[in-house]
Amino acid sequence: MALLVLVVLFAGAGYLGWVGIQRSQPLDLPAPTGAYAVGRTTYDWTDTARKDPFSPEAGTPRKLSVWIWYPVSPSTTGPRVPYAPGPWDGLHLKGPAGLLQGSFDTFRDRALDDAPVAPSRFPVVVLQPGMGFSAPQYAALAEDLASHGYLVAGFTPTYSANLTVLDGQTVGSTEQAKPDDLDEHGDRIVQVWAADARFVATTLAALDEGPLEGRVNPATKVSYVGHSFGGAASLEACRLDPRCGAAIDLDGTQYGEVVKTGLKAPFLLVGSEDSCITGSCGQQAKDDTADLERARSLIKASTAAKWCATVDGARHFNFTDYGAYYLAWPLRAALPLGDIDPERALTIQNGYAVTFLDHAIRGTAAPGAPTC
């Protein structure tokens, strides 16, 4: 018995040592597939027209951290951005789980820090994270879109995210903004996020400082893209914004009035294998009647082009940068990541997003589109 205990202890120590070596190895974010290089810049923007309904201090204006990824001339060189600079390193998992996740210090981002924007004007995409997530955790999607000629403004919903950084200080979540029961509170919270998204789109269009000044194309419509609850908020923002030209919901149960009224703009729904958000359930999904009813109501009420697709083998976290992180067993098994190759899942997701937006915003052909 004593010998068995020693064997287990030595094996465990050896495994942890091997994981320690692996998690410190350099790892690259997936390469963007478009013709442009990518730049990144960040802002803190305050919506003085709105009071933050989630702030512990009554009357405080709504303030958001906004990360912008944008097209850069392919020949541009310069320093790369850190994936999670400064206090944003707090996005890394804590405690024992964190020992099984690769270090952000060695996770190499491909974007260039405040590089000059390419000499053109570009359509805007507003990117929203899932509940609890932050915009930086969608860099793979954002950088791929930027490489195809989009200005991607990803914002982190203050108090709904587990972590955001404003004025250099970390801000966590609150129960009011990140409740346990979204079925009860989702319709209320989605209105706040949709207003956030529209504010970001308006502010970016009027930006008069930094590398993006004068680079927004006013002749094109705004696109709203989001994952999980951010997908629901993207649909609702599109419903409310007459500038909306397209919306994408990545594996997000729909909330808000858009479920009943539908959209007049084209939209894309992409679900995981255990999701029913596309109006049909994936191979591994249970029969989620509530999600099916919401999705089918949205699809039936909508009048423009409707695309629906399921990524076989993918689960909920495959639509985030978790698909690109180093995650050792048993952490990876504990997270909602499917059996699909993680980089392939991101490639499929990004391919759908680019093809759909190019069709909806730029009018490119889309033969064989996965219509709902």
Protein backbone atom coordinates (compact mmCIF):
# COMPACT_ATOMS: atom_id res chain seq x y z
CA MET A 1 0.00 0.00 0.00
CA ALA A 2 2.79 2.41 0.94
CA LEU A 3 4.51 1.64 -2.35
CA LEU A 4 1.31 2.42 -4.27
CA VAL A 5 0.98 5.76 -2.48
CA LEU A 6 4.57 6.63 -3.36
CA VAL A 7 3.99 5.70 -7.00
CA VAL A 8 0.88 7.91 -7.15
CA LEU A 9 2.69 10.81 -5.49
CA PHE A 10 5.68 10.58 -7.81
CA ALA A 11 3.39 10.26 -10.85
CA GLY A 12 1.37 13.27 -9.75
CA ALA A 13 4.47 15.34 -9.11
CA GLY A 14 5.87 14.31 -12.48
CA TYR A 15 2.66 15.29 -14.26
CA LEU A 16 2.53 18.68 -12.57
CA GLY A 17 6.15 19.26 -13.48
CA TRP A 18 5.42 18.41 -17.11
CA VAL A 19 2.40 20.74 -17.08
CA GLY A 20 4.57 23.49 -15.61
CA ILE A 21 6.93 23.18 -18.55
CA GLN A 22 4.12 23.06 -21.12
CA ARG A 23 2.23 26.06 -19.73
CA SER A 24 5.33 28.22 -19.99
CA GLN A 25 5.97 27.41 -23.66
CA PRO A 26 5.23 30.19 -26.19
CA LEU A 27 1.88 29.80 -27.93
CA ASP A 28 0.49 31.96 -30.75
CA LEU A 29 -3.02 33.20 -31.23
CA PRO A 30 -4.36 31.75 -34.52
CA ALA A 31 -3.19 33.66 -37.58
CA PRO A 32 -5.78 35.96 -39.20
CA THR A 33 -6.82 34.84 -42.68
CA GLY A 34 -7.38 38.22 -44.37
CA ALA A 35 -5.10 40.39 -46.49
CA TYR A 36 -4.47 43.05 -43.83
CA ALA A 37 -2.21 43.02 -40.81
CA VAL A 38 -4.02 44.00 -37.59
CA GLY A 39 -3.57 46.83 -35.12
CA ARG A 40 -5.07 47.24 -31.66
CA THR A 41 -5.81 50.24 -29.50
CA THR A 42 -7.89 50.69 -26.34
CA TYR A 43 -10.13 53.34 -24.80
CA ASP A 44 -12.29 54.00 -21.76
CA TRP A 45 -15.50 55.67 -22.95
CA THR A 46 -18.19 57.28 -20.77
CA ASP A 47 -21.80 57.56 -21.90
CA THR A 48 -22.78 60.79 -20.20
CA ALA A 49 -26.34 60.44 -21.47
CA ARG A 50 -27.00 57.31 -19.40
CA LYS A 51 -26.80 56.46 -15.72
CA ASP A 52 -25.32 53.06 -15.00
CA PRO A 53 -28.16 50.92 -13.58
CA PHE A 54 -25.64 48.48 -12.11
CA SER A 55 -23.28 50.92 -10.39
CA PRO A 56 -23.18 50.77 -6.57
CA GLU A 57 -23.06 54.58 -6.65
CA ALA A 58 -26.38 56.00 -7.82
CA GLY A 59 -26.24 58.49 -10.67
CA THR A 60 -22.88 57.34 -12.03
CA PRO A 61 -22.63 57.55 -15.85
CA ARG A 62 -22.18 54.27 -17.70
CA LYS A 63 -18.49 53.68 -18.46
CA LEU A 64 -17.03 50.98 -20.71
CA SER A 65 -13.64 49.58 -21.62
CA VAL A 66 -13.41 49.36 -25.43
CA TRP A 67 -10.74 47.45 -27.37
CA ILE A 68 -10.51 48.16 -31.09
CA TRP A 69 -8.88 45.89 -33.65
CA TYR A 70 -8.39 47.42 -37.10
CA PRO A 71 -6.80 46.85 -40.54
CA VAL A 72 -3.14 47.73 -41.03
CA SER A 73 -1.10 47.68 -44.23
CA PRO A 74 0.51 44.23 -44.62
CA SER A 75 4.05 45.63 -44.76
CA THR A 76 3.72 47.44 -41.42
CA THR A 77 6.10 46.39 -38.66
CA GLY A 78 6.26 47.29 -35.00
CA PRO A 79 5.84 45.89 -31.49
CA ARG A 80 3.10 43.37 -30.88
CA VAL A 81 0.53 43.99 -28.18
CA PRO A 82 0.52 41.86 -25.03
CA TYR A 83 -2.54 39.62 -24.98
CA ALA A 84 -3.70 40.70 -21.51
CA PRO A 85 -1.69 43.75 -20.42
CA GLY A 86 -1.39 44.94 -16.85
CA PRO A 87 -4.49 44.31 -14.69
CA TRP A 88 -6.11 42.42 -17.56
CA ASP A 89 -3.89 39.51 -16.55
CA GLY A 90 -6.62 38.93 -13.97
CA LEU A 91 -8.57 37.17 -16.73
CA HIS A 92 -6.28 34.21 -16.11
CA LEU A 93 -7.90 31.53 -13.96
CA LYS A 94 -7.00 31.65 -10.27
CA GLY A 95 -6.09 28.99 -7.73
CA PRO A 96 -5.33 25.37 -8.64
CA ALA A 97 -7.15 25.72 -11.97
CA GLY A 98 -4.77 28.48 -12.95
CA LEU A 99 -1.82 26.11 -12.62
CA LEU A 100 -3.34 24.06 -15.44
CA GLN A 101 -3.76 27.03 -17.81
CA GLY A 102 -0.98 28.42 -19.97
CA SER A 103 0.53 31.73 -18.90
CA PHE A 104 -0.67 34.90 -20.66
CA ASP A 105 2.94 36.11 -20.58
CA THR A 106 3.83 33.51 -23.21
CA PHE A 107 0.56 33.71 -25.16
CA ARG A 108 1.63 35.70 -28.20
CA ASP A 109 -0.85 38.05 -29.81
CA ARG A 110 -0.39 38.96 -33.48
CA ALA A 111 -1.82 42.50 -33.35
CA LEU A 112 0.47 45.54 -33.60
CA ASP A 113 0.38 48.13 -30.85
CA ASP A 114 -1.26 51.40 -32.03
CA ALA A 115 0.03 50.85 -35.57
CA PRO A 116 -1.15 53.29 -38.29
CA VAL A 117 -4.46 52.23 -39.79
CA ALA A 118 -4.47 51.18 -43.46
CA PRO A 119 -5.26 54.04 -45.90
CA SER A 120 -8.97 53.45 -46.44
CA ARG A 121 -12.31 53.67 -44.66
CA PHE A 122 -13.80 50.56 -43.11
CA PRO A 123 -17.18 49.30 -41.89
CA VAL A 124 -17.73 48.92 -38.14
CA VAL A 125 -18.37 45.72 -36.20
CA VAL A 126 -19.37 45.99 -32.53
CA LEU A 127 -18.33 42.84 -30.67
CA GLN A 128 -19.96 41.74 -27.40
CA PRO A 129 -18.65 39.00 -25.08
CA GLY A 130 -20.65 36.36 -23.29
CA MET A 131 -21.94 36.88 -19.76
CA GLY A 132 -18.95 36.94 -17.40
CA PHE A 133 -16.45 37.18 -20.25
CA SER A 134 -14.45 40.21 -21.40
CA ALA A 135 -13.81 41.56 -24.89
CA PRO A 136 -10.07 40.64 -24.86
CA GLN A 137 -11.04 36.96 -24.73
CA TYR A 138 -12.32 37.17 -28.33
CA ALA A 139 -9.09 38.35 -29.95
CA ALA A 140 -9.01 35.42 -32.41
CA LEU A 141 -12.39 36.43 -33.87
CA ALA A 142 -11.72 40.17 -33.69
CA GLU A 143 -8.33 39.96 -35.39
CA ASP A 144 -9.62 37.76 -38.17
CA LEU A 145 -12.45 40.21 -38.91
CA ALA A 146 -10.01 43.15 -38.81
CA SER A 147 -7.71 41.36 -41.25
CA HIS A 148 -10.63 41.28 -43.69
CA GLY A 149 -11.14 45.03 -43.53
CA TYR A 150 -13.44 45.67 -40.56
CA LEU A 151 -13.04 48.02 -37.59
CA VAL A 152 -13.93 45.77 -34.65
CA ALA A 153 -14.89 47.51 -31.42
CA GLY A 154 -15.16 45.00 -28.60
CA PHE A 155 -16.48 46.31 -25.29
CA THR A 156 -16.67 44.69 -21.86
CA PRO A 157 -20.06 45.16 -20.13
CA THR A 158 -19.18 46.74 -16.80
CA TYR A 159 -20.39 44.79 -13.74
CA SER A 160 -21.61 41.89 -15.92
CA ALA A 161 -18.06 40.74 -16.72
CA ASN A 162 -16.03 38.88 -14.12
CA LEU A 163 -13.34 41.45 -14.78
CA THR A 164 -12.98 44.73 -16.61
CA VAL A 165 -10.38 47.45 -16.25
CA LEU A 166 -11.35 51.12 -16.09
CA ASP A 167 -8.84 53.90 -15.43
CA GLY A 168 -6.27 51.22 -14.70
CA GLN A 169 -8.37 49.67 -11.92
CA THR A 170 -10.07 46.29 -11.99
CA VAL A 171 -13.85 46.10 -11.65
CA GLY A 172 -15.64 42.84 -10.90
CA SER A 173 -19.17 41.60 -11.41
CA THR A 174 -22.28 42.16 -9.29
CA GLU A 175 -25.33 39.97 -8.78
CA GLN A 176 -27.61 42.60 -10.29
CA ALA A 177 -25.65 42.71 -13.54
CA LYS A 178 -24.70 39.03 -13.63
CA PRO A 179 -27.60 37.13 -12.08
CA ASP A 180 -27.78 33.36 -11.73
CA ASP A 181 -31.16 33.21 -13.48
CA LEU A 182 -31.02 34.84 -16.92
CA ASP A 183 -34.44 33.47 -17.82
CA GLU A 184 -35.85 35.82 -15.18
CA HIS A 185 -33.57 38.82 -15.74
CA GLY A 186 -32.27 38.44 -19.30
CA ASP A 187 -34.87 40.65 -20.98
CA ARG A 188 -33.95 43.50 -18.63
CA ILE A 189 -30.17 43.17 -18.86
CA VAL A 190 -30.15 42.73 -22.63
CA GLN A 191 -31.53 46.26 -22.97
CA VAL A 192 -28.51 47.67 -21.10
CA TRP A 193 -26.05 45.74 -23.25
CA ALA A 194 -27.86 46.73 -26.45
CA ALA A 195 -27.65 50.39 -25.41
CA ASP A 196 -23.93 49.87 -24.67
CA ALA A 197 -23.41 48.47 -28.18
CA ARG A 198 -25.20 51.35 -29.87
CA PHE A 199 -23.21 53.87 -27.80
CA VAL A 200 -19.94 52.23 -28.87
CA ALA A 201 -20.98 52.31 -32.53
CA THR A 202 -21.90 56.01 -32.31
CA THR A 203 -18.73 56.97 -30.43
CA LEU A 204 -16.48 55.14 -32.86
CA ALA A 205 -18.11 56.85 -35.83
CA ALA A 206 -17.34 60.25 -34.29
CA LEU A 207 -13.82 59.40 -33.08
CA ASP A 208 -11.48 62.37 -33.55
CA GLU A 209 -8.31 61.08 -31.89
CA GLY A 210 -5.82 58.25 -32.16
CA PRO A 211 -4.99 56.03 -35.14
CA LEU A 212 -8.65 55.55 -36.18
CA GLU A 213 -9.61 59.17 -36.72
CA GLY A 214 -11.53 59.52 -39.98
CA ARG A 215 -11.34 55.80 -40.82
CA VAL A 216 -14.97 54.81 -40.25
CA ASN A 217 -16.87 54.34 -43.50
CA PRO A 218 -20.13 56.31 -43.04
CA ALA A 219 -21.64 54.76 -46.17
CA THR A 220 -21.87 51.28 -44.66
CA LYS A 221 -24.14 49.88 -42.00
CA VAL A 222 -23.04 48.88 -38.48
CA SER A 223 -22.80 45.16 -37.70
CA TYR A 224 -23.39 43.72 -34.25
CA VAL A 225 -21.66 40.44 -33.33
CA GLY A 226 -21.69 38.61 -30.02
CA HIS A 227 -21.20 35.34 -28.20
CA SER A 228 -23.65 33.83 -25.74
CA PHE A 229 -25.55 36.64 -23.98
CA GLY A 230 -23.58 39.06 -26.14
CA GLY A 231 -25.16 37.35 -29.15
CA ALA A 232 -28.61 38.03 -27.74
CA ALA A 233 -27.66 41.66 -27.09
CA SER A 234 -26.31 41.98 -30.63
CA LEU A 235 -29.66 40.91 -32.07
CA GLU A 236 -31.51 43.34 -29.81
CA ALA A 237 -29.10 46.19 -30.63
CA CYS A 238 -29.68 45.52 -34.32
CA ARG A 239 -33.45 45.68 -33.80
CA LEU A 240 -33.16 49.07 -32.11
CA ASP A 241 -30.56 50.65 -34.40
CA PRO A 242 -31.69 51.85 -37.86
CA ARG A 243 -28.00 51.83 -38.88
CA CYS A 244 -27.77 48.06 -38.39
CA GLY A 245 -26.86 46.14 -41.51
CA ALA A 246 -26.23 42.71 -39.98
CA ALA A 247 -26.12 40.78 -36.70
CA ILE A 248 -24.44 37.56 -35.57
CA ASP A 249 -25.35 35.45 -32.55
CA LEU A 250 -22.71 32.87 -31.62
CA ASP A 251 -24.29 30.20 -29.42
CA GLY A 252 -26.45 32.63 -27.46
CA THR A 253 -29.99 32.06 -26.21
CA GLN A 254 -32.07 34.98 -27.49
CA TYR A 255 -33.67 37.56 -25.19
CA GLY A 256 -35.54 40.83 -25.60
CA GLU A 257 -38.27 42.09 -27.89
CA VAL A 258 -36.37 40.87 -30.95
CA VAL A 259 -37.56 37.34 -30.14
CA LYS A 260 -41.13 38.44 -30.91
CA THR A 261 -40.62 41.16 -33.51
CA GLY A 262 -37.70 39.64 -35.43
CA LEU A 263 -35.18 41.63 -37.47
CA LYS A 264 -35.39 43.54 -40.72
CA ALA A 265 -31.63 43.17 -41.17
CA PRO A 266 -29.85 39.92 -42.11
CA PHE A 267 -28.58 37.75 -39.27
CA LEU A 268 -26.48 34.64 -38.67
CA LEU A 269 -27.03 32.15 -35.84
CA VAL A 270 -24.18 29.72 -35.12
CA GLY A 271 -24.76 27.03 -32.52
CA SER A 272 -22.65 24.42 -30.76
CA GLU A 273 -23.46 20.72 -30.89
CA ASP A 274 -25.35 20.92 -27.58
CA SER A 275 -27.30 24.06 -28.49
CA CYS A 276 -30.78 24.72 -29.85
CA ILE A 277 -30.33 28.45 -30.57
CA THR A 278 -30.55 28.01 -34.35
CA GLY A 279 -34.12 26.72 -34.24
CA SER A 280 -32.95 23.12 -34.36
CA CYS A 281 -30.83 21.17 -31.91
CA GLY A 282 -27.28 19.96 -32.47
CA GLN A 283 -26.38 16.29 -32.37
CA GLN A 284 -25.53 16.32 -28.66
CA ALA A 285 -28.25 18.74 -27.54
CA LYS A 286 -31.05 17.85 -25.24
CA ASP A 287 -34.48 18.97 -26.33
CA ASP A 288 -34.37 22.51 -24.92
CA THR A 289 -37.94 23.60 -25.57
CA ALA A 290 -37.43 27.16 -24.32
CA ASP A 291 -34.42 27.87 -26.57
CA LEU A 292 -36.14 26.24 -29.53
CA GLU A 293 -39.25 28.37 -29.09
CA ARG A 294 -37.24 31.60 -28.79
CA ALA A 295 -35.13 30.85 -31.86
CA ARG A 296 -38.08 29.74 -33.98
CA SER A 297 -40.05 32.83 -33.01
CA LEU A 298 -37.11 35.07 -33.98
CA ILE A 299 -36.64 33.30 -37.31
CA LYS A 300 -40.34 33.33 -38.20
CA ALA A 301 -40.77 37.03 -37.39
CA SER A 302 -37.66 38.17 -39.29
CA THR A 303 -37.93 39.38 -42.87
CA ALA A 304 -34.36 39.62 -44.20
CA ALA A 305 -31.81 36.91 -44.99
CA LYS A 306 -31.39 34.34 -42.20
CA TRP A 307 -28.41 32.00 -41.89
CA CYS A 308 -28.23 29.16 -39.36
CA ALA A 309 -25.32 26.78 -38.80
CA THR A 310 -24.16 24.27 -36.19
CA VAL A 311 -20.49 23.50 -35.53
CA ASP A 312 -20.36 19.76 -34.88
CA GLY A 313 -18.02 18.82 -32.07
CA ALA A 314 -18.00 22.34 -30.60
CA ARG A 315 -19.33 23.45 -27.24
CA HIS A 316 -19.92 26.86 -25.68
CA PHE A 317 -16.31 27.89 -24.90
CA ASN A 318 -15.10 26.95 -28.39
CA PHE A 319 -16.39 30.34 -29.57
CA THR A 320 -13.90 32.15 -27.30
CA ASP A 321 -10.10 32.29 -27.06
CA TYR A 322 -10.28 29.37 -24.63
CA GLY A 323 -10.05 27.29 -27.78
CA ALA A 324 -6.53 28.67 -28.30
CA TYR A 325 -5.25 28.56 -24.70
CA TYR A 326 -3.07 25.79 -23.33
CA LEU A 327 -5.36 23.89 -20.93
CA ALA A 328 -4.07 20.75 -19.24
CA TRP A 329 -6.20 17.82 -18.11
CA PRO A 330 -8.44 17.81 -16.05
CA LEU A 331 -9.12 21.53 -16.56
CA ARG A 332 -9.87 21.15 -20.23
CA ALA A 333 -12.31 18.31 -19.53
CA ALA A 334 -14.09 20.42 -16.91
CA LEU A 335 -14.75 23.32 -19.30
CA PRO A 336 -17.44 23.33 -22.01
CA LEU A 337 -15.02 22.62 -24.85
CA GLY A 338 -15.98 20.00 -27.42
CA ASP A 339 -14.05 17.22 -29.10
CA ILE A 340 -13.39 19.30 -32.22
CA ASP A 341 -9.82 20.51 -32.76
CA PRO A 342 -9.86 23.90 -30.98
CA GLU A 343 -8.20 25.84 -33.80
CA ARG A 344 -10.52 24.25 -36.35
CA ALA A 345 -13.55 25.39 -34.33
CA LEU A 346 -12.26 28.98 -34.38
CA THR A 347 -11.51 28.70 -38.09
CA ILE A 348 -15.07 27.55 -38.82
CA GLN A 349 -16.59 30.27 -36.64
CA ASN A 350 -14.44 33.01 -38.18
CA GLY A 351 -15.14 31.73 -41.68
CA TYR A 352 -18.89 31.92 -41.16
CA ALA A 353 -18.60 35.42 -39.66
CA VAL A 354 -16.46 36.84 -42.48
CA THR A 355 -18.48 35.24 -45.27
CA PHE A 356 -21.78 36.41 -43.80
CA LEU A 357 -20.65 39.99 -43.12
CA ASP A 358 -19.05 40.31 -46.54
CA HIS A 359 -22.35 39.21 -48.06
CA ALA A 360 -24.59 41.38 -45.86
CA ILE A 361 -22.42 44.52 -45.78
CA ARG A 362 -20.37 44.36 -48.98
CA GLY A 363 -22.79 42.47 -51.21
CA THR A 364 -20.47 39.60 -52.08
CA ALA A 365 -21.93 36.38 -53.42
CA ALA A 366 -22.68 33.57 -50.97
CA PRO A 367 -23.57 30.40 -52.89
CA GLY A 368 -24.61 27.53 -50.65
CA ALA A 369 -25.35 29.81 -47.69
CA PRO A 370 -26.73 27.87 -44.69
CA THR A 371 -30.17 29.47 -44.64
CA CYS A 372 -32.48 28.84 -41.69
